[in-house]
């Protein structure tokens, strides 16, 4: 699929039907959720995914203050993107409630209030910097966003593979379809903007190499980010899958041919936390065996 202008990309995006409609959500077999046990190690990951998605409201407000956010085509995309992402978080929260994990009625407000002050300070600084770059920032924003969307989609795919919960799988399939549309928008506009100049490529590459962190890190606690990544990608094939579907696809963007940042960062987190996960698993096995003996 090839586009010549960002307007072409927007026209394509607006033709894509939403998956997580009200009818889709209400017709999910919510009354069967508790029929399939959910591994408790996935609860913190789902909470993290939920919080990242609803914080899109905050990210959207921040982006509206940048040159990219003032671009009428991209601003139009972000209006729908913001609604879809928040819906993802709300549906995940409902799933958790149906699975027996109650959450406060004001969980969205709490998520917003728990964003650390230094995140807002650093974001203000970066927003000011982007205004100095002007329209040249668009290529950077789109490349950065493409990597975020691709890695988010892979996290959902890993959750589906590992959790194997029938209702959760239906929810994740719907989320993944919408994330795929977001990814195509970001990647397509990034390719168009990066192709305009080597300067745009150099700026985008430098920003990704310097500032890229896994989705949610900074606005949410680092330990939550790392736990979620290690849980989803530490098992066999996890990092390789991410390399194929995120890093290697990002390398297809102009100026990103030899990118290694994403795979290396995820691999480092998995290597750091893998021993803790193994130790926890061994302790669980010992406990089970002792219970059997007693």
Protein backbone atom coordinates (compact mmCIF):
# COMPACT_ATOMS: atom_id res chain seq x y z
CA UNK A 1 0.00 0.00 0.00
CA UNK A 2 1.62 3.21 -1.20
CA UNK A 3 0.60 6.80 -0.46
CA UNK A 4 1.90 10.04 -1.92
CA UNK A 5 0.62 12.51 0.66
CA UNK A 6 -0.44 12.49 4.29
CA UNK A 7 -3.96 13.37 3.13
CA UNK A 8 -4.00 10.11 1.17
CA UNK A 9 -3.08 8.26 4.36
CA UNK A 10 -5.82 10.02 6.33
CA UNK A 11 -8.39 9.20 3.64
CA UNK A 12 -7.42 5.53 3.90
CA UNK A 13 -7.59 5.60 7.70
CA UNK A 14 -11.02 7.16 7.77
CA UNK A 15 -12.32 4.37 5.54
CA UNK A 16 -11.34 1.77 8.14
CA UNK A 17 -14.27 0.69 10.26
CA UNK A 18 -13.87 0.62 14.02
CA UNK A 19 -13.67 -2.81 15.62
CA UNK A 20 -14.38 -2.01 19.28
CA UNK A 21 -17.82 -0.54 18.67
CA UNK A 22 -20.43 -0.40 21.44
CA UNK A 23 -22.18 -3.42 19.88
CA UNK A 24 -18.93 -5.41 19.73
CA UNK A 25 -18.19 -4.67 23.38
CA UNK A 26 -21.69 -5.41 24.68
CA UNK A 27 -21.94 -8.66 22.69
CA UNK A 28 -18.78 -10.13 24.17
CA UNK A 29 -19.55 -13.18 26.36
CA UNK A 30 -18.77 -11.33 29.58
CA UNK A 31 -20.69 -13.89 31.66
CA UNK A 32 -18.15 -16.58 30.68
CA UNK A 33 -15.00 -14.67 31.66
CA UNK A 34 -14.63 -16.38 35.03
CA UNK A 35 -15.06 -19.82 33.43
CA UNK A 36 -11.41 -19.70 32.35
CA UNK A 37 -8.80 -19.01 35.06
CA UNK A 38 -6.43 -16.12 34.35
CA UNK A 39 -2.80 -16.54 35.37
CA UNK A 40 -2.19 -13.97 38.12
CA UNK A 41 1.15 -12.93 36.65
CA UNK A 42 -0.76 -11.25 33.82
CA UNK A 43 -2.83 -9.00 36.08
CA UNK A 44 -0.10 -6.32 36.53
CA UNK A 45 0.54 -6.43 32.78
CA UNK A 46 -3.12 -5.88 31.93
CA UNK A 47 -3.28 -3.04 34.45
CA UNK A 48 -0.22 -1.51 32.82
CA UNK A 49 -1.75 -1.85 29.35
CA UNK A 50 -4.98 -0.31 30.63
CA UNK A 51 -3.19 2.68 32.13
CA UNK A 52 -1.03 3.31 29.07
CA UNK A 53 -4.12 3.37 26.88
CA UNK A 54 -6.16 5.78 29.00
CA UNK A 55 -3.17 8.12 29.34
CA UNK A 56 -3.59 8.76 25.61
CA UNK A 57 -5.81 11.67 26.66
CA UNK A 58 -2.75 13.26 28.25
CA UNK A 59 -0.46 12.42 25.32
CA UNK A 60 -3.03 13.90 22.94
CA UNK A 61 -3.10 17.19 24.87
CA UNK A 62 0.70 17.31 24.78
CA UNK A 63 0.87 16.64 21.06
CA UNK A 64 -1.64 19.38 20.27
CA UNK A 65 1.00 21.83 21.49
CA UNK A 66 3.55 20.63 18.91
CA UNK A 67 3.90 21.50 15.20
CA UNK A 68 2.69 18.00 14.36
CA UNK A 69 -0.41 18.39 16.49
CA UNK A 70 -1.25 21.60 14.65
CA UNK A 71 -1.02 19.89 11.26
CA UNK A 72 -4.71 19.62 10.20
CA UNK A 73 -4.32 16.14 8.67
CA UNK A 74 -2.50 14.62 11.62
CA UNK A 75 -4.74 16.44 14.11
CA UNK A 76 -7.76 14.83 12.44
CA UNK A 77 -6.17 11.39 12.78
CA UNK A 78 -5.31 12.01 16.43
CA UNK A 79 -8.91 12.85 17.32
CA UNK A 80 -10.07 9.34 16.41
CA UNK A 81 -6.83 7.71 17.58
CA UNK A 82 -7.32 9.21 21.04
CA UNK A 83 -10.87 7.90 21.36
CA UNK A 84 -9.88 4.41 20.21
CA UNK A 85 -6.95 4.13 22.59
CA UNK A 86 -8.98 5.18 25.62
CA UNK A 87 -11.65 2.64 24.67
CA UNK A 88 -8.96 -0.06 24.66
CA UNK A 89 -8.11 0.80 28.26
CA UNK A 90 -11.72 0.85 29.36
CA UNK A 91 -12.44 -2.56 27.84
CA UNK A 92 -9.36 -4.07 29.47
CA UNK A 93 -10.53 -2.67 32.80
CA UNK A 94 -13.97 -4.23 32.36
CA UNK A 95 -12.35 -7.57 31.57
CA UNK A 96 -10.37 -7.41 34.80
CA UNK A 97 -13.54 -6.66 36.76
CA UNK A 98 -15.39 -9.54 35.11
CA UNK A 99 -12.42 -11.81 35.90
CA UNK A 100 -12.83 -10.99 39.61
CA UNK A 101 -10.21 -8.25 39.96
CA UNK A 102 -12.12 -5.19 41.12
CA UNK A 103 -10.79 -1.72 40.35
CA UNK A 104 -11.84 1.62 41.87
CA UNK A 105 -14.59 3.52 40.06
CA UNK A 106 -12.22 6.50 39.72
CA UNK A 107 -9.30 4.45 38.37
CA UNK A 108 -8.90 6.72 35.34
CA UNK A 109 -8.55 9.83 37.51
CA UNK A 110 -6.09 8.02 39.75
CA UNK A 111 -4.00 6.97 36.76
CA UNK A 112 -3.76 10.58 35.63
CA UNK A 113 -2.93 11.88 39.12
CA UNK A 114 -0.17 9.29 39.60
CA UNK A 115 1.85 10.54 36.64
CA UNK A 116 5.07 11.88 38.22
CA UNK A 117 5.81 15.59 38.14
CA UNK A 118 9.18 15.13 36.47
CA UNK A 119 7.40 13.54 33.50
CA UNK A 120 5.37 16.72 32.99
CA UNK A 121 8.51 18.84 33.34
CA UNK A 122 10.48 16.86 30.77
CA UNK A 123 7.49 16.84 28.40
CA UNK A 124 7.21 20.62 28.64
CA UNK A 125 10.90 20.90 27.73
CA UNK A 126 10.57 18.55 24.76
CA UNK A 127 7.42 20.31 23.54
CA UNK A 128 9.28 23.63 23.58
CA UNK A 129 12.12 22.03 21.63
CA UNK A 130 9.78 20.66 18.97
CA UNK A 131 8.37 24.12 18.38
CA UNK A 132 11.88 25.30 17.57
CA UNK A 133 12.18 22.52 14.98
CA UNK A 134 8.87 23.42 13.40
CA UNK A 135 7.44 21.16 10.69
CA UNK A 136 10.68 19.16 10.61
CA UNK A 137 9.48 17.55 13.82
CA UNK A 138 6.63 15.80 11.98
CA UNK A 139 8.92 13.09 10.59
CA UNK A 140 10.31 12.47 14.09
CA UNK A 141 6.89 12.28 15.73
CA UNK A 142 5.58 9.88 13.08
CA UNK A 143 8.63 7.60 13.22
CA UNK A 144 8.55 7.57 17.02
CA UNK A 145 4.81 6.86 16.98
CA UNK A 146 5.20 4.06 14.46
CA UNK A 147 7.69 2.27 16.70
CA UNK A 148 5.41 2.73 19.71
CA UNK A 149 2.36 1.41 17.85
CA UNK A 150 4.22 -1.60 16.45
CA UNK A 151 5.63 -2.56 19.84
CA UNK A 152 2.23 -2.10 21.49
CA UNK A 153 0.60 -4.43 18.98
CA UNK A 154 3.25 -7.07 19.62
CA UNK A 155 2.69 -6.81 23.36
CA UNK A 156 -0.99 -7.55 22.79
CA UNK A 157 -0.11 -10.48 20.52
CA UNK A 158 2.18 -11.91 23.18
CA UNK A 159 -0.52 -11.51 25.82
CA UNK A 160 -2.98 -13.39 23.63
CA UNK A 161 -0.46 -16.18 23.00
CA UNK A 162 0.54 -16.58 26.64
CA UNK A 163 -2.76 -16.00 28.45
CA UNK A 164 -4.92 -18.18 26.16
CA UNK A 165 -8.13 -16.80 27.60
CA UNK A 166 -11.02 -17.03 25.09
CA UNK A 167 -12.76 -13.76 25.98
CA UNK A 168 -9.53 -11.84 26.43
CA UNK A 169 -8.41 -13.15 23.04
CA UNK A 170 -11.52 -11.68 21.40
CA UNK A 171 -10.83 -8.33 23.06
CA UNK A 172 -7.16 -8.39 22.06
CA UNK A 173 -7.99 -9.32 18.46
CA UNK A 174 -10.18 -6.22 18.25
CA UNK A 175 -7.53 -4.01 19.83
CA UNK A 176 -4.81 -5.41 17.55
CA UNK A 177 -6.88 -4.62 14.45
CA UNK A 178 -7.27 -1.00 15.53
CA UNK A 179 -3.60 -0.75 16.51
CA UNK A 180 -2.68 -2.08 13.04
CA UNK A 181 -4.56 0.82 11.46
CA UNK A 182 -2.76 3.27 13.76
CA UNK A 183 0.58 1.70 12.84
CA UNK A 184 -0.12 2.02 9.13
CA UNK A 185 -0.96 5.69 9.52
CA UNK A 186 2.18 6.49 11.51
CA UNK A 187 4.53 4.45 9.30
CA UNK A 188 3.08 5.77 6.06
CA UNK A 189 3.26 9.43 7.08
CA UNK A 190 6.72 8.86 8.58
CA UNK A 191 7.94 7.41 5.28
CA UNK A 192 6.56 10.41 3.36
CA UNK A 193 8.04 12.99 5.75
CA UNK A 194 11.43 11.27 6.15
CA UNK A 195 11.84 11.02 2.38
CA UNK A 196 11.67 14.81 2.09
CA UNK A 197 15.16 15.48 3.46
CA UNK A 198 18.24 13.95 5.02
CA UNK A 199 17.98 16.53 7.79
CA UNK A 200 14.58 15.15 8.81
CA UNK A 201 16.05 11.65 8.80
CA UNK A 202 19.00 12.65 10.97
CA UNK A 203 16.79 14.47 13.50
CA UNK A 204 14.34 11.57 13.72
CA UNK A 205 17.08 8.97 14.08
CA UNK A 206 18.88 11.00 16.77
CA UNK A 207 15.69 11.49 18.78
CA UNK A 208 14.79 7.79 18.63
CA UNK A 209 18.31 6.71 19.59
CA UNK A 210 18.41 9.22 22.47
CA UNK A 211 14.89 9.31 23.85
CA UNK A 212 13.07 6.11 22.86
CA UNK A 213 11.81 4.11 25.81
CA UNK A 214 9.17 1.36 25.96
CA UNK A 215 5.61 2.61 25.73
CA UNK A 216 4.45 4.06 29.05
CA UNK A 217 7.83 4.33 30.74
CA UNK A 218 8.13 7.77 32.27
CA UNK A 219 4.43 8.43 32.69
CA UNK A 220 4.20 5.15 34.62
CA UNK A 221 6.71 3.62 37.02
CA UNK A 222 9.78 2.05 35.42
CA UNK A 223 9.38 -1.15 37.45
CA UNK A 224 5.88 -1.61 36.01
CA UNK A 225 7.22 -1.19 32.48
CA UNK A 226 10.01 -3.68 33.02
CA UNK A 227 7.79 -6.25 34.71
CA UNK A 228 5.34 -6.10 31.79
CA UNK A 229 8.09 -6.46 29.19
CA UNK A 230 9.82 -9.31 30.99
CA UNK A 231 6.54 -11.17 31.49
CA UNK A 232 5.59 -10.90 27.83
CA UNK A 233 8.91 -11.22 26.03
CA UNK A 234 11.32 -13.21 28.25
CA UNK A 235 9.96 -16.58 27.15
CA UNK A 236 11.41 -18.37 24.14
CA UNK A 237 10.93 -16.46 20.91
CA UNK A 238 9.67 -13.27 22.53
CA UNK A 239 12.56 -10.96 21.71
CA UNK A 240 13.01 -12.55 18.28
CA UNK A 241 9.36 -11.87 17.50
CA UNK A 242 9.73 -8.25 18.53
CA UNK A 243 12.88 -7.88 16.43
CA UNK A 244 11.09 -9.23 13.32
CA UNK A 245 7.90 -7.28 13.73
CA UNK A 246 9.15 -3.98 15.15
CA UNK A 247 12.87 -3.32 14.68
CA UNK A 248 13.16 -4.84 11.22
CA UNK A 249 10.04 -3.02 10.04
CA UNK A 250 11.32 0.26 11.51
CA UNK A 251 14.54 -0.23 9.53
CA UNK A 252 12.51 0.12 6.33
CA UNK A 253 11.96 3.81 7.11
CA UNK A 254 14.36 6.25 5.40
CA UNK A 255 17.38 6.82 7.65
CA UNK A 256 16.69 3.86 9.97
CA UNK A 257 18.43 1.07 8.05
CA UNK A 258 20.65 -0.22 10.88
CA UNK A 259 18.42 0.56 13.89
CA UNK A 260 19.07 -1.70 16.92
CA UNK A 261 17.76 0.45 19.79
CA UNK A 262 14.36 -1.19 20.25
CA UNK A 263 15.44 -4.83 20.24
CA UNK A 264 18.46 -4.09 22.41
CA UNK A 265 16.44 -2.22 25.02
CA UNK A 266 13.80 -4.95 25.29
CA UNK A 267 16.46 -7.66 25.37
CA UNK A 268 18.34 -5.87 28.15
CA UNK A 269 15.19 -5.67 30.30
CA UNK A 270 14.42 -9.36 29.74
CA UNK A 271 18.00 -10.36 30.61
CA UNK A 272 17.93 -8.26 33.78
CA UNK A 273 14.64 -9.64 35.09
CA UNK A 274 14.79 -13.22 33.80
CA UNK A 275 16.72 -14.53 36.85
CA UNK A 276 14.07 -13.07 39.18
CA UNK A 277 11.30 -14.72 37.18
CA UNK A 278 13.10 -18.07 37.25
CA UNK A 279 13.66 -17.80 41.01
CA UNK A 280 10.00 -16.98 41.57
CA UNK A 281 8.95 -19.96 39.46
CA UNK A 282 11.26 -22.30 41.39
CA UNK A 283 9.89 -21.03 44.69
CA UNK A 284 6.36 -21.67 43.47
CA UNK A 285 7.30 -25.25 42.46
CA UNK A 286 8.93 -25.87 45.85
CA UNK A 287 5.80 -24.60 47.62
CA UNK A 288 3.58 -26.82 45.51
CA UNK A 289 5.77 -29.87 46.19
CA UNK A 290 5.87 -29.19 49.93
CA UNK A 291 2.10 -28.87 49.98
CA UNK A 292 1.84 -32.21 48.21
CA UNK A 293 4.19 -33.88 50.74
CA UNK A 294 2.36 -32.43 53.72
